[in-house]
Amino acid sequence: MTTTPGPLADSVRLAWPAEAAAVADLQRRVWSSELSAEVAATVLGGVSAEEMTQAWGQAISRPPKARYRVLVAIADARVVGFATTVPGQDPDADEAADGEVQEFAVDPPARHRGHGSRLLNACADTLRADGFRHARWWVGEDDQALRGFLGAAGWVPDGSSREIGTDDEAVRLTQVRLHTDLADG
């Protein structure tokens, strides 16, 4: 008797180089849906889909640093989310002890199905496996949905904030830094 395999379970794993275009496309969709129309047009107008695909391909196949990881959330054999984990990038970070979630996105139609939670747990597990004891995450000051999601998972503000944006200052975003202890995982 031959059995037909069932649907693949939703999962998170390291990204494959062949998924660079899917990650770039997802990032563009998330930016388009989460940023104001003006900010999205400015940010996305400055980089083509092809350039983003090349950048993600490089990040996946030849990471810029040791312990730089690109993770993908998979559902029905397609990328529905991605995240990057890296050594802490801030001047006050201890690169040996402080890791950082640098990018994190879940496709809007795929939200509220557990992909974000799986991706968040995989980020913590990956940072822990890479030897980090603490994790940091810069989030938009006004992104109450993400801050609430992270707060429920034990991430808390550490009092740091920053402003980022385009070189011409047409786009300015204020972020706050959250942190968590990875030893509790």
Protein backbone atom coordinates (compact mmCIF):
# COMPACT_ATOMS: atom_id res chain seq x y z
CA MET A 1 0.00 0.00 0.00
CA THR A 2 1.36 3.38 -1.00
CA THR A 3 0.56 6.36 1.17
CA THR A 4 0.43 9.93 0.03
CA PRO A 5 2.33 12.31 2.27
CA GLY A 6 0.16 14.79 4.10
CA PRO A 7 0.68 18.53 4.12
CA LEU A 8 3.98 19.79 5.46
CA ALA A 9 3.87 21.04 9.01
CA ASP A 10 4.34 24.76 9.56
CA SER A 11 7.93 25.30 10.64
CA VAL A 12 10.89 27.65 10.96
CA ARG A 13 14.37 26.90 9.65
CA LEU A 14 17.46 28.56 8.24
CA ALA A 15 16.79 30.19 4.88
CA TRP A 16 18.08 28.65 1.66
CA PRO A 17 19.77 30.81 -1.01
CA ALA A 18 16.98 29.92 -3.46
CA GLU A 19 14.52 31.69 -1.10
CA ALA A 20 16.16 35.12 -1.40
CA ALA A 21 13.50 36.38 -3.83
CA ALA A 22 10.68 35.15 -1.58
CA VAL A 23 12.23 36.95 1.41
CA ALA A 24 12.69 40.17 -0.61
CA ASP A 25 9.12 40.02 -1.92
CA LEU A 26 7.79 39.43 1.59
CA GLN A 27 9.81 42.33 2.98
CA ARG A 28 8.43 44.64 0.29
CA ARG A 29 4.84 43.52 1.05
CA VAL A 30 5.28 44.04 4.79
CA TRP A 31 6.84 47.48 4.33
CA SER A 32 4.02 48.44 1.96
CA SER A 33 1.38 47.35 4.46
CA GLU A 34 2.99 48.67 7.66
CA LEU A 35 4.57 51.96 6.64
CA SER A 36 2.61 55.03 5.66
CA ALA A 37 2.14 55.33 1.90
CA GLU A 38 4.62 58.22 1.73
CA VAL A 39 7.30 56.42 3.77
CA ALA A 40 6.80 53.14 1.88
CA ALA A 41 7.12 54.94 -1.47
CA THR A 42 10.34 56.64 -0.34
CA VAL A 43 11.90 53.50 1.13
CA LEU A 44 10.84 51.10 -1.62
CA GLY A 45 11.51 53.63 -4.37
CA GLY A 46 15.17 53.70 -3.34
CA VAL A 47 15.80 49.99 -3.95
CA SER A 48 14.57 47.60 -6.61
CA ALA A 49 13.19 44.13 -5.98
CA GLU A 50 16.22 42.73 -7.81
CA GLU A 51 18.63 44.63 -5.55
CA MET A 52 16.79 43.38 -2.47
CA THR A 53 16.88 39.81 -3.79
CA GLN A 54 20.64 40.08 -4.37
CA ALA A 55 21.16 41.49 -0.87
CA TRP A 56 19.14 38.69 0.72
CA GLY A 57 20.96 36.10 -1.41
CA GLN A 58 24.27 37.44 -0.12
CA ALA A 59 23.03 37.54 3.49
CA ILE A 60 21.87 33.94 3.27
CA SER A 61 24.78 32.40 1.37
CA ARG A 62 27.64 34.59 2.63
CA PRO A 63 26.56 36.26 5.87
CA PRO A 64 28.32 39.55 6.69
CA LYS A 65 29.36 38.29 10.15
CA ALA A 66 29.82 35.06 12.01
CA ARG A 67 26.64 34.22 13.91
CA TYR A 68 24.47 36.11 11.39
CA ARG A 69 21.43 33.97 10.59
CA VAL A 70 18.44 34.35 8.29
CA LEU A 71 15.45 32.30 9.44
CA VAL A 72 12.27 31.65 7.48
CA ALA A 73 8.80 30.60 8.62
CA ILE A 74 7.30 28.10 6.19
CA ALA A 75 3.64 27.21 5.60
CA ASP A 76 2.40 25.06 2.74
CA ALA A 77 5.96 24.96 1.34
CA ARG A 78 6.21 28.76 1.01
CA VAL A 79 7.93 31.52 2.97
CA VAL A 80 5.40 33.35 5.18
CA GLY A 81 7.86 35.05 7.52
CA PHE A 82 11.53 35.78 8.06
CA ALA A 83 13.90 37.08 10.71
CA THR A 84 17.59 37.78 11.13
CA THR A 85 19.65 37.26 14.25
CA VAL A 86 23.05 38.89 14.66
CA PRO A 87 25.56 39.84 17.35
CA GLY A 88 24.50 43.05 19.12
CA GLN A 89 25.18 46.08 16.90
CA ASP A 90 24.93 48.92 19.41
CA PRO A 91 28.00 50.68 20.84
CA ASP A 92 27.04 49.46 24.33
CA ALA A 93 26.63 45.82 23.21
CA ASP A 94 28.96 43.03 24.24
CA GLU A 95 29.27 41.12 20.93
CA ALA A 96 30.01 37.91 22.83
CA ALA A 97 26.97 38.10 25.14
CA ASP A 98 24.40 40.33 23.40
CA GLY A 99 22.53 39.09 20.36
CA GLU A 100 19.97 41.02 18.36
CA VAL A 101 16.89 40.35 16.30
CA GLN A 102 17.51 42.74 13.45
CA GLU A 103 14.69 41.93 11.02
CA PHE A 104 11.34 40.25 11.70
CA ALA A 105 8.36 40.05 9.40
CA VAL A 106 5.30 37.86 8.92
CA ASP A 107 3.18 38.16 5.78
CA PRO A 108 -0.02 40.03 6.76
CA PRO A 109 -2.41 37.32 5.44
CA ALA A 110 -0.45 34.69 7.42
CA ARG A 111 -0.61 36.47 10.78
CA HIS A 112 -2.44 35.10 13.82
CA ARG A 113 -1.70 31.52 12.78
CA GLY A 114 1.30 30.90 15.03
CA HIS A 115 4.01 31.79 12.51
CA GLY A 116 5.19 34.83 14.49
CA SER A 117 5.39 32.83 17.72
CA ARG A 118 7.33 30.02 16.02
CA LEU A 119 9.64 32.55 14.42
CA LEU A 120 10.17 34.40 17.71
CA ASN A 121 10.96 31.15 19.54
CA ALA A 122 13.36 30.13 16.76
CA CYS A 123 15.12 33.51 17.06
CA ALA A 124 15.61 32.99 20.79
CA ASP A 125 16.77 29.39 20.27
CA THR A 126 19.19 30.46 17.51
CA LEU A 127 20.64 33.29 19.58
CA ARG A 128 21.00 30.96 22.56
CA ALA A 129 22.67 28.28 20.39
CA ASP A 130 25.09 30.93 19.10
CA GLY A 131 26.18 31.57 22.69
CA PHE A 132 24.36 34.82 23.43
CA ARG A 133 23.00 35.36 26.95
CA HIS A 134 20.90 38.44 26.22
CA ALA A 135 18.90 39.62 23.21
CA ARG A 136 17.96 43.09 21.99
CA TRP A 137 15.40 44.30 19.47
CA TRP A 138 14.75 47.79 18.09
CA VAL A 139 11.04 48.32 17.40
CA GLY A 140 9.00 51.26 16.18
CA GLU A 141 7.93 53.47 19.05
CA ASP A 142 4.36 53.47 17.72
CA ASP A 143 4.21 49.76 16.78
CA GLN A 144 1.90 48.74 19.60
CA ALA A 145 1.02 45.39 18.00
CA LEU A 146 4.64 44.22 17.85
CA ARG A 147 5.48 45.69 21.24
CA GLY A 148 2.48 43.91 22.78
CA PHE A 149 3.43 40.62 21.10
CA LEU A 150 7.01 40.89 22.36
CA GLY A 151 5.94 42.09 25.82
CA ALA A 152 3.80 38.97 26.22
CA ALA A 153 6.91 36.92 25.43
CA GLY A 154 9.00 38.66 28.11
CA TRP A 155 10.69 41.44 26.13
CA VAL A 156 10.81 44.76 28.01
CA PRO A 157 12.07 48.27 27.16
CA ASP A 158 15.55 49.04 28.45
CA GLY A 159 15.18 52.85 28.26
CA SER A 160 17.14 53.32 25.02
CA SER A 161 15.70 55.02 21.95
CA ARG A 162 16.98 56.16 18.59
CA GLU A 163 15.87 57.87 15.42
CA ILE A 164 16.62 56.30 12.04
CA GLY A 165 15.78 57.28 8.50
CA THR A 166 16.96 58.21 5.07
CA ASP A 167 20.13 60.20 4.49
CA ASP A 168 18.14 63.14 3.13
CA GLU A 169 16.01 63.04 6.32
CA ALA A 170 12.80 62.73 4.31
CA VAL A 171 11.93 59.70 6.45
CA ARG A 172 12.51 59.64 10.22
CA LEU A 173 11.37 56.82 12.51
CA THR A 174 11.73 56.67 16.28
CA GLN A 175 12.52 53.29 17.78
CA VAL A 176 12.79 51.94 21.31
CA ARG A 177 15.02 49.06 22.34
CA LEU A 178 13.58 45.99 24.03
CA HIS A 179 15.61 43.24 25.64
CA THR A 180 15.23 39.80 27.18
CA ASP A 181 17.39 37.33 29.05
CA LEU A 182 18.03 34.20 26.99
CA ALA A 183 19.06 32.13 29.99
CA ASP A 184 15.40 31.81 31.01
CA GLY A 185 14.50 29.92 27.80
